[in-house]
């Protein structure tokens, strides 16, 4: 491989902010000016897990069998499994690089805990419990990092009202990570250097209402109005330091897994399902509880839902679920009726919602793993799905599991800068296009089953 590729992953980077010329991001602006950039359509669902692996493998969520961080297990009502590095069965770009005799440095790409062997060096991602656990490959890399830079920081607790402390923690984590990145980029051999900084996602979720004048909880003149913009400027500075160490043979890509926008509120899906007669509790909760705490009369229940930035809806099918009641021959009819009812849900003032609903069996060419019966994006993702119930109302002004001001958006960002092919143009791309583009820049062949195209 004559060329190298540096992939700078900024989790949740939003095009409406990063591409704003008034923000004064000199480093990223120059990459845009001389490269190709634009919105990057995320995965379905547009969630951190699976989106980074959709990007890294060139395969969609259905092929990966990943529909979020947690999944139902064996059509159980309560058993779940959590996505880890061992959930990934498809080859990623670094596997193709290994087969070609190359090496990679990989830092923080979700999900990469527990660390699996790679040709090169790896530091695991934000799902790592702590650096007391094995968090690198090879194992001695962890000792090397901790001895030189102190305890490694994987994430921060971002759903908190202690905003000053959170801001301090995010900056500390990000600056610490970039110190490690600067060390690795100089000291380790690589053909692909790829990392993900999670701090941008955390700062969006924690501070969006202070910045966005259209947010229903925005207060003019608040002390955190510039926090998000200042952090983008800090990232720009840190990226500038990092890329100053690469040569003219190195292609630079800046990417995000999804975007962000203001959250209008949380919709209590399970409350609605109770009202519509789909979910039948043994007793109606009078204070907020999680769905797992609810005593359900499964002999009368047709459907229930999970919360998150999107909703997963499950039907109670006879012969599939332990106490299923919908005959299998009625599955499609019942599902279609439920889809139409969900599409008719309006906002708290009766406003029309732009709700999108996916039937996984029809949407994905291949469908693996424990997928839901319906994937629901309430009002174009502006409303998140509350999995809890017992609030005494259907619409919540705020997130039901701790402070959170932003939801995910379908479009993230990409910048492709090749110092040998300066272009200066904008275009739209898909998250499935990143893996083909990386392999193309390294002069490696494209797998026949890639759906994405090389960005050019």
Protein backbone atom coordinates (compact mmCIF):
# COMPACT_ATOMS: atom_id res chain seq x y z
CA UNK A 1 0.00 0.00 0.00
CA UNK A 2 1.54 3.27 -1.15
CA UNK A 3 -1.01 5.49 0.52
CA UNK A 4 -2.30 5.78 4.10
CA UNK A 5 -5.73 6.76 5.38
CA UNK A 6 -6.45 8.71 8.56
CA UNK A 7 -10.12 8.54 9.62
CA UNK A 8 -11.17 11.13 12.21
CA UNK A 9 -14.45 10.01 13.76
CA UNK A 10 -16.43 12.75 15.50
CA UNK A 11 -19.42 10.99 17.01
CA UNK A 12 -22.66 12.90 16.34
CA UNK A 13 -21.02 15.76 14.35
CA UNK A 14 -23.88 17.77 12.87
CA UNK A 15 -23.71 19.28 9.37
CA UNK A 16 -25.69 22.39 10.36
CA UNK A 17 -22.93 23.25 12.84
CA UNK A 18 -19.72 21.87 11.36
CA UNK A 19 -20.43 23.25 7.89
CA UNK A 20 -21.37 26.69 9.27
CA UNK A 21 -18.75 29.03 7.84
CA UNK A 22 -19.32 31.56 10.65
CA UNK A 23 -18.02 29.10 13.24
CA UNK A 24 -14.38 29.70 12.29
CA UNK A 25 -12.92 26.21 12.14
CA UNK A 26 -9.73 26.93 10.16
CA UNK A 27 -8.42 23.35 9.99
CA UNK A 28 -11.65 21.60 9.04
CA UNK A 29 -12.60 24.47 6.72
CA UNK A 30 -9.38 24.02 4.76
CA UNK A 31 -10.02 20.28 4.42
CA UNK A 32 -13.50 21.11 3.09
CA UNK A 33 -12.24 23.81 0.77
CA UNK A 34 -9.69 21.49 -0.85
CA UNK A 35 -11.59 18.21 -0.57
CA UNK A 36 -15.07 16.79 -0.96
CA UNK A 37 -17.60 17.24 1.83
CA UNK A 38 -21.28 17.05 2.59
CA UNK A 39 -24.02 15.32 4.57
CA UNK A 40 -23.53 11.61 5.27
CA UNK A 41 -26.78 9.61 5.47
CA UNK A 42 -26.55 7.46 8.55
CA UNK A 43 -27.53 3.85 9.10
CA UNK A 44 -31.01 2.65 9.96
CA UNK A 45 -31.32 2.99 12.86
CA UNK A 46 -29.13 6.13 13.12
CA UNK A 47 -27.65 5.04 16.45
CA UNK A 48 -23.98 4.88 17.55
CA UNK A 49 -24.24 1.09 17.74
CA UNK A 50 -24.67 -0.07 14.93
CA UNK A 51 -23.71 2.99 12.83
CA UNK A 52 -19.93 2.91 13.34
CA UNK A 53 -19.83 -0.75 12.37
CA UNK A 54 -22.05 -0.15 9.34
CA UNK A 55 -19.45 2.41 8.33
CA UNK A 56 -16.47 0.15 9.08
CA UNK A 57 -17.81 -3.01 7.45
CA UNK A 58 -19.77 -1.56 4.52
CA UNK A 59 -22.75 -3.72 5.54
CA UNK A 60 -26.10 -2.48 6.83
CA UNK A 61 -27.70 -3.15 10.21
CA UNK A 62 -29.78 -6.05 8.92
CA UNK A 63 -26.68 -7.84 7.66
CA UNK A 64 -24.86 -7.10 10.94
CA UNK A 65 -27.86 -8.11 13.06
CA UNK A 66 -27.47 -4.96 15.17
CA UNK A 67 -30.41 -2.64 15.88
CA UNK A 68 -29.08 -0.76 18.89
CA UNK A 69 -27.02 -1.26 22.01
CA UNK A 70 -29.33 -3.86 23.57
CA UNK A 71 -31.48 -6.54 21.95
CA UNK A 72 -34.17 -9.02 22.89
CA UNK A 73 -32.98 -12.58 23.26
CA UNK A 74 -34.87 -15.55 21.81
CA UNK A 75 -38.23 -13.71 21.69
CA UNK A 76 -38.14 -13.50 25.48
CA UNK A 77 -40.20 -10.83 27.22
CA UNK A 78 -37.34 -9.75 29.48
CA UNK A 79 -34.06 -11.48 28.54
CA UNK A 80 -31.71 -9.20 26.63
CA UNK A 81 -28.18 -9.17 25.25
CA UNK A 82 -25.81 -6.24 24.93
CA UNK A 83 -23.80 -5.58 21.77
CA UNK A 84 -20.04 -6.02 22.16
CA UNK A 85 -17.08 -6.51 19.84
CA UNK A 86 -17.99 -10.21 19.67
CA UNK A 87 -21.36 -9.31 18.11
CA UNK A 88 -19.56 -8.27 14.90
CA UNK A 89 -19.33 -11.22 12.49
CA UNK A 90 -18.61 -9.30 9.26
CA UNK A 91 -15.17 -8.22 8.08
CA UNK A 92 -14.24 -4.59 8.68
CA UNK A 93 -11.88 -2.52 6.54
CA UNK A 94 -8.98 -3.31 8.89
CA UNK A 95 -9.51 -7.04 8.24
CA UNK A 96 -9.03 -6.47 4.49
CA UNK A 97 -5.96 -4.36 5.26
CA UNK A 98 -4.56 -7.20 7.40
CA UNK A 99 -5.12 -9.67 4.54
CA UNK A 100 -3.13 -7.35 2.28
CA UNK A 101 -0.25 -7.29 4.76
CA UNK A 102 -1.04 -3.88 6.24
CA UNK A 103 -1.47 -2.59 9.79
CA UNK A 104 -4.06 -0.44 11.55
CA UNK A 105 -4.29 1.72 14.65
CA UNK A 106 -7.88 1.73 15.95
CA UNK A 107 -9.09 3.81 18.89
CA UNK A 108 -12.58 3.97 20.37
CA UNK A 109 -14.61 2.54 17.47
CA UNK A 110 -17.91 1.19 18.92
CA UNK A 111 -18.30 -1.61 19.77
CA UNK A 112 -14.68 -2.65 20.36
CA UNK A 113 -14.84 -4.00 23.89
CA UNK A 114 -13.65 -6.58 24.76
CA UNK A 115 -10.58 -5.89 22.56
CA UNK A 116 -10.10 -8.45 19.79
CA UNK A 117 -6.80 -9.18 18.05
CA UNK A 118 -5.98 -6.92 15.08
CA UNK A 119 -2.98 -6.49 12.82
CA UNK A 120 -1.68 -3.44 14.65
CA UNK A 121 -2.91 -1.68 17.78
CA UNK A 122 -6.36 -1.16 19.27
CA UNK A 123 -7.86 0.76 22.20
CA UNK A 124 -11.47 -0.14 23.00
CA UNK A 125 -14.48 2.19 23.02
CA UNK A 126 -16.90 3.95 25.37
CA UNK A 127 -18.64 0.72 26.45
CA UNK A 128 -15.42 -0.35 28.25
CA UNK A 129 -16.18 -0.53 32.00
CA UNK A 130 -12.81 0.96 33.06
CA UNK A 131 -9.10 0.76 32.36
CA UNK A 132 -8.89 -1.80 35.18
CA UNK A 133 -10.16 -4.20 32.52
CA UNK A 134 -8.13 -5.30 29.53
CA UNK A 135 -8.82 -2.52 27.02
CA UNK A 136 -6.14 -2.78 24.36
CA UNK A 137 -4.66 -5.12 21.81
CA UNK A 138 -1.96 -6.07 22.36
CA UNK A 139 -2.49 -6.14 26.13
CA UNK A 140 0.85 -4.45 26.84
CA UNK A 141 -0.32 -1.37 24.89
CA UNK A 142 -2.65 -0.63 27.82
CA UNK A 143 0.25 -0.64 30.26
CA UNK A 144 2.22 1.58 27.85
CA UNK A 145 -0.63 4.12 27.61
CA UNK A 146 -1.40 4.23 31.34
CA UNK A 147 2.27 4.53 32.32
CA UNK A 148 2.81 7.47 29.95
CA UNK A 149 -0.53 9.29 30.15
CA UNK A 150 -2.26 8.10 33.31
CA UNK A 151 -5.70 6.44 33.51
CA UNK A 152 -7.38 6.18 30.11
CA UNK A 153 -10.80 7.86 29.84
CA UNK A 154 -13.48 6.11 27.81
CA UNK A 155 -16.58 8.23 28.48
CA UNK A 156 -18.29 10.69 30.82
CA UNK A 157 -21.65 10.62 32.64
CA UNK A 158 -23.48 13.09 30.44
CA UNK A 159 -27.05 12.81 31.75
CA UNK A 160 -26.48 15.09 34.70
CA UNK A 161 -27.49 18.54 35.96
CA UNK A 162 -23.91 19.26 37.08
CA UNK A 163 -23.07 21.05 33.84
CA UNK A 164 -19.82 22.73 34.90
CA UNK A 165 -18.37 19.45 36.14
CA UNK A 166 -19.53 17.69 32.95
CA UNK A 167 -17.91 20.31 30.75
CA UNK A 168 -14.65 19.93 32.64
CA UNK A 169 -14.84 16.14 32.29
CA UNK A 170 -15.53 16.26 28.52
CA UNK A 171 -12.57 18.57 27.85
CA UNK A 172 -10.32 16.46 30.06
CA UNK A 173 -11.36 13.24 28.30
CA UNK A 174 -10.97 14.71 24.80
CA UNK A 175 -7.60 16.36 25.39
CA UNK A 176 -6.32 13.21 27.06
CA UNK A 177 -7.47 11.09 24.11
CA UNK A 178 -5.74 13.37 21.61
CA UNK A 179 -2.48 13.15 23.59
CA UNK A 180 -2.70 9.38 23.22
CA UNK A 181 -3.59 9.71 19.51
CA UNK A 182 -0.61 11.99 18.87
CA UNK A 183 1.64 9.43 20.52
CA UNK A 184 0.21 6.48 18.57
CA UNK A 185 0.29 8.22 15.19
CA UNK A 186 4.05 8.80 15.61
CA UNK A 187 5.12 5.63 17.40
CA UNK A 188 3.09 2.81 15.81
CA UNK A 189 3.15 1.53 12.22
CA UNK A 190 -0.11 1.98 10.32
CA UNK A 191 -1.77 2.05 6.93
CA UNK A 192 -5.15 2.91 8.48
CA UNK A 193 -5.39 5.14 11.54
CA UNK A 194 -9.01 5.42 12.67
CA UNK A 195 -10.48 6.77 15.88
CA UNK A 196 -13.79 7.96 17.33
CA UNK A 197 -14.09 10.86 19.78
CA UNK A 198 -17.33 10.44 21.78
CA UNK A 199 -17.13 13.86 23.48
CA UNK A 200 -19.04 15.65 20.72
CA UNK A 201 -22.02 13.33 21.14
CA UNK A 202 -22.00 13.96 24.89
CA UNK A 203 -21.79 17.73 24.56
CA UNK A 204 -24.68 17.78 22.07
CA UNK A 205 -26.96 15.75 24.32
CA UNK A 206 -26.04 17.75 27.42
CA UNK A 207 -25.99 21.32 26.07
CA UNK A 208 -28.21 21.53 22.96
CA UNK A 209 -31.06 23.44 24.64
CA UNK A 210 -28.64 26.18 25.71
CA UNK A 211 -27.55 26.79 22.10
CA UNK A 212 -30.61 26.19 19.90
CA UNK A 213 -33.05 29.11 19.92
CA UNK A 214 -35.78 26.86 18.52
CA UNK A 215 -35.50 24.42 21.42
CA UNK A 216 -38.60 24.57 23.63
CA UNK A 217 -36.39 24.84 26.75
CA UNK A 218 -33.98 27.48 25.38
CA UNK A 219 -33.35 30.48 27.67
CA UNK A 220 -31.84 33.61 26.05
CA UNK A 221 -28.60 34.80 27.58
CA UNK A 222 -27.89 31.57 29.44
CA UNK A 223 -24.26 30.96 30.50
CA UNK A 224 -23.83 27.88 28.25
CA UNK A 225 -24.91 29.45 24.97
CA UNK A 226 -21.46 29.09 23.34
CA UNK A 227 -20.44 25.77 24.89
CA UNK A 228 -21.13 23.60 21.84
CA UNK A 229 -19.48 26.07 19.42
CA UNK A 230 -16.43 26.41 21.67
CA UNK A 231 -16.02 22.63 21.78
CA UNK A 232 -16.11 22.41 17.96
CA UNK A 233 -13.33 25.02 17.90
CA UNK A 234 -11.32 22.98 20.39
CA UNK A 235 -11.78 19.86 18.25
CA UNK A 236 -10.63 21.84 15.23
CA UNK A 237 -7.45 22.82 17.09
CA UNK A 238 -6.78 19.26 18.25
CA UNK A 239 -7.41 17.84 14.78
CA UNK A 240 -4.96 20.40 13.39
CA UNK A 241 -2.23 19.19 15.77
CA UNK A 242 -2.88 15.58 14.81
CA UNK A 243 -2.92 16.00 11.04
CA UNK A 244 0.26 18.13 11.12
CA UNK A 245 2.06 14.82 11.66
CA UNK A 246 0.94 13.13 8.42
CA UNK A 247 2.50 13.46 4.98
CA UNK A 248 1.28 14.02 1.43
CA UNK A 249 0.73 10.29 0.99
CA UNK A 250 -2.02 10.32 3.64
CA UNK A 251 -5.70 10.72 2.78
CA UNK A 252 -7.70 12.35 5.58
CA UNK A 253 -11.36 11.59 6.20
CA UNK A 254 -13.55 13.26 8.85
CA UNK A 255 -16.79 11.41 9.50
CA UNK A 256 -19.70 11.14 11.92
CA UNK A 257 -22.04 8.24 12.54
CA UNK A 258 -25.19 10.39 12.68
CA UNK A 259 -26.18 14.00 13.23
CA UNK A 260 -28.09 15.81 15.97
CA UNK A 261 -31.02 18.18 16.38
CA UNK A 262 -33.21 19.53 19.14
CA UNK A 263 -35.45 17.13 21.02
CA UNK A 264 -39.07 18.26 21.07
CA UNK A 265 -39.92 15.80 23.83
CA UNK A 266 -40.44 12.15 24.64
CA UNK A 267 -43.54 10.22 23.60
CA UNK A 268 -44.71 7.55 26.05
CA UNK A 269 -45.21 4.72 23.59
CA UNK A 270 -46.26 2.12 26.14
CA UNK A 271 -48.84 4.49 27.66
CA UNK A 272 -50.28 4.89 24.18
CA UNK A 273 -50.28 1.12 23.61
CA UNK A 274 -52.22 0.71 26.86
CA UNK A 275 -54.75 3.34 25.76
CA UNK A 276 -55.17 1.58 22.42
CA UNK A 277 -55.67 -1.81 24.09
CA UNK A 278 -52.46 -3.36 22.76
CA UNK A 279 -50.61 -3.55 26.09
CA UNK A 280 -52.55 -4.79 29.12
CA UNK A 281 -50.89 -4.34 32.53
CA UNK A 282 -52.13 -6.23 35.56
CA UNK A 283 -52.33 -2.85 37.28
CA UNK A 284 -51.78 0.65 35.86
CA UNK A 285 -48.66 2.29 37.33
CA UNK A 286 -49.23 5.60 39.11
CA UNK A 287 -45.58 6.68 39.19
CA UNK A 288 -42.82 6.34 36.57
CA UNK A 289 -41.39 2.84 36.18
CA UNK A 290 -39.42 1.05 33.48
CA UNK A 291 -41.19 -1.44 31.26
CA UNK A 292 -39.21 -4.24 32.92
CA UNK A 293 -40.89 -3.38 36.24
CA UNK A 294 -44.39 -3.54 34.75
CA UNK A 295 -46.50 -6.62 35.48
CA UNK A 296 -48.00 -7.47 32.09
CA UNK A 297 -51.00 -9.67 31.39
CA UNK A 298 -49.45 -11.38 28.38
CA UNK A 299 -52.62 -13.39 27.76
CA UNK A 300 -54.29 -10.14 26.64
CA UNK A 301 -51.31 -8.17 25.29
CA UNK A 302 -50.72 -7.74 21.55
CA UNK A 303 -47.75 -5.35 21.50
CA UNK A 304 -45.22 -3.41 23.59
CA UNK A 305 -42.34 -1.07 22.89
CA UNK A 306 -38.81 -0.10 23.84
CA UNK A 307 -37.65 3.46 24.29
CA UNK A 308 -34.64 5.31 22.90
CA UNK A 309 -33.91 7.79 20.13
CA UNK A 310 -36.15 5.55 18.06
CA UNK A 311 -38.84 3.06 19.12
CA UNK A 312 -38.72 -0.68 18.74
CA UNK A 313 -42.15 -2.29 18.73
CA UNK A 314 -42.69 -6.00 19.33
CA UNK A 315 -45.82 -8.05 18.60
CA UNK A 316 -46.93 -10.95 20.79
CA UNK A 317 -47.17 -13.80 18.26
CA UNK A 318 -48.60 -17.23 19.10
CA UNK A 319 -45.93 -19.91 18.77
CA UNK A 320 -43.12 -17.34 18.73
CA UNK A 321 -43.46 -15.61 22.09
CA UNK A 322 -44.01 -17.81 25.14
CA UNK A 323 -47.53 -16.46 25.71
CA UNK A 324 -48.20 -15.09 22.23
CA UNK A 325 -51.81 -14.40 21.28
CA UNK A 326 -51.71 -13.10 17.66
CA UNK A 327 -52.14 -16.04 15.27
CA UNK A 328 -49.18 -16.19 12.84
CA UNK A 329 -51.54 -15.94 9.87
CA UNK A 330 -52.77 -12.58 11.24
CA UNK A 331 -49.27 -11.16 11.72
CA UNK A 332 -49.16 -8.93 8.63
CA UNK A 333 -52.73 -7.73 9.03
CA UNK A 334 -52.24 -6.85 12.70
CA UNK A 335 -48.90 -5.19 11.98
CA UNK A 336 -50.41 -3.07 9.21
CA UNK A 337 -53.28 -1.95 11.47
CA UNK A 338 -50.79 -0.94 14.14
CA UNK A 339 -48.64 0.93 11.60
CA UNK A 340 -51.61 3.01 10.49
CA UNK A 341 -52.53 3.82 14.08
CA UNK A 342 -48.96 4.89 14.90
CA UNK A 343 -48.84 7.05 11.76
CA UNK A 344 -51.97 8.82 12.97
CA UNK A 345 -50.37 9.87 16.26
CA UNK A 346 -50.14 13.66 16.46
CA UNK A 347 -48.22 16.01 18.75
CA UNK A 348 -49.47 17.41 22.08
CA UNK A 349 -51.23 20.31 20.31
CA UNK A 350 -52.65 18.07 17.61
CA UNK A 351 -49.86 18.98 15.18
CA UNK A 352 -49.10 16.55 12.39
CA UNK A 353 -46.05 14.37 12.83
CA UNK A 354 -43.76 13.12 10.07
CA UNK A 355 -43.40 9.64 11.52
CA UNK A 356 -41.43 7.05 9.57
CA UNK A 357 -41.93 3.32 10.17
CA UNK A 358 -39.74 0.48 8.95
CA UNK A 359 -40.77 -3.16 8.57
CA UNK A 360 -37.35 -4.79 8.95
CA UNK A 361 -38.28 -7.87 6.86
CA UNK A 362 -39.07 -5.65 3.87
CA UNK A 363 -36.45 -2.95 4.37
CA UNK A 364 -33.26 -5.02 4.67
CA UNK A 365 -32.04 -7.41 1.98
CA UNK A 366 -30.66 -9.66 4.69
CA UNK A 367 -32.02 -9.78 8.20
CA UNK A 368 -30.00 -11.29 11.01
CA UNK A 369 -30.16 -11.19 14.78
CA UNK A 370 -33.01 -10.20 17.09
CA UNK A 371 -34.82 -7.52 15.13
CA UNK A 372 -38.03 -5.75 16.24
CA UNK A 373 -41.31 -6.09 14.36
CA UNK A 374 -41.36 -2.34 13.73
CA UNK A 375 -38.76 0.42 13.84
CA UNK A 376 -40.47 3.75 14.50
CA UNK A 377 -38.99 7.24 14.05
CA UNK A 378 -41.49 9.55 15.74
CA UNK A 379 -41.90 12.88 13.91
CA UNK A 380 -38.76 12.46 11.80
CA UNK A 381 -36.83 11.59 15.03
CA UNK A 382 -37.67 14.91 16.76
CA UNK A 383 -39.58 13.00 19.45
CA UNK A 384 -37.74 10.24 21.22
CA UNK A 385 -39.55 7.16 22.49
CA UNK A 386 -39.99 6.88 26.25
CA UNK A 387 -39.79 3.26 27.32
CA UNK A 388 -40.95 4.14 30.84
CA UNK A 389 -44.57 4.57 31.80
CA UNK A 390 -46.65 5.78 34.74
CA UNK A 391 -46.02 9.49 34.09
CA UNK A 392 -49.75 10.23 33.97
CA UNK A 393 -49.37 11.76 30.51
CA UNK A 394 -48.42 10.77 26.98
CA UNK A 395 -45.98 13.58 26.16
CA UNK A 396 -42.93 14.52 28.23
CA UNK A 397 -41.09 17.83 27.87
CA UNK A 398 -37.80 16.16 28.72
CA UNK A 399 -36.10 12.80 28.38
CA UNK A 400 -37.39 10.15 30.78
CA UNK A 401 -33.98 8.73 31.76
CA UNK A 402 -32.04 11.86 32.74
CA UNK A 403 -31.22 15.25 31.16
CA UNK A 404 -30.89 15.05 27.37
CA UNK A 405 -31.57 17.96 25.02
CA UNK A 406 -30.86 16.46 21.60
CA UNK A 407 -31.99 13.59 19.42
CA UNK A 408 -30.14 11.89 16.60
CA UNK A 409 -30.57 13.08 13.03
CA UNK A 410 -30.34 11.06 9.82
CA UNK A 411 -27.48 13.11 8.36
CA UNK A 412 -24.01 13.13 9.83
CA UNK A 413 -21.00 14.59 8.01
CA UNK A 414 -18.08 13.54 5.87
CA UNK A 415 -14.99 15.32 4.59
CA UNK A 416 -12.65 13.55 2.18
CA UNK A 417 -9.30 15.29 1.72
CA UNK A 418 -6.76 13.79 -0.64
CA UNK A 419 -3.66 16.02 -0.88
CA UNK A 420 -2.99 14.59 -4.34
CA UNK A 421 -6.51 15.29 -5.70
CA UNK A 422 -7.64 18.65 -4.42
CA UNK A 423 -11.24 19.18 -5.52
CA UNK A 424 -13.28 21.61 -3.47
CA UNK A 425 -16.80 20.32 -4.01
CA UNK A 426 -19.84 19.23 -2.06
CA UNK A 427 -21.93 16.11 -2.47
CA UNK A 428 -24.17 13.79 -0.50
CA UNK A 429 -22.92 10.38 0.54
CA UNK A 430 -24.07 7.32 2.48
CA UNK A 431 -22.45 5.81 5.54
CA UNK A 432 -22.07 2.67 3.38
CA UNK A 433 -19.72 4.63 1.08
CA UNK A 434 -16.96 5.07 3.68
CA UNK A 435 -15.58 1.51 3.68
CA UNK A 436 -15.32 1.34 -0.14
CA UNK A 437 -13.61 4.75 -0.17
CA UNK A 438 -11.03 3.72 2.44
CA UNK A 439 -10.14 0.55 0.52
CA UNK A 440 -10.02 2.48 -2.78
CA UNK A 441 -7.58 5.05 -1.40
CA UNK A 442 -5.37 2.22 -0.15
CA UNK A 443 -5.45 0.59 -3.59
CA UNK A 444 -7.29 -2.49 -2.30
CA UNK A 445 -10.07 -4.30 -4.21
CA UNK A 446 -13.74 -3.87 -3.33
CA UNK A 447 -15.65 -6.85 -1.87
CA UNK A 448 -18.45 -7.85 -4.25
CA UNK A 449 -21.14 -7.49 -1.58
CA UNK A 450 -20.43 -3.84 -0.70
CA UNK A 451 -23.55 -1.74 -1.31
CA UNK A 452 -21.79 1.60 -1.04
CA UNK A 453 -19.82 3.45 -3.71
CA UNK A 454 -16.41 5.08 -3.70
CA UNK A 455 -16.77 8.81 -2.99
CA UNK A 456 -15.19 10.83 -5.79
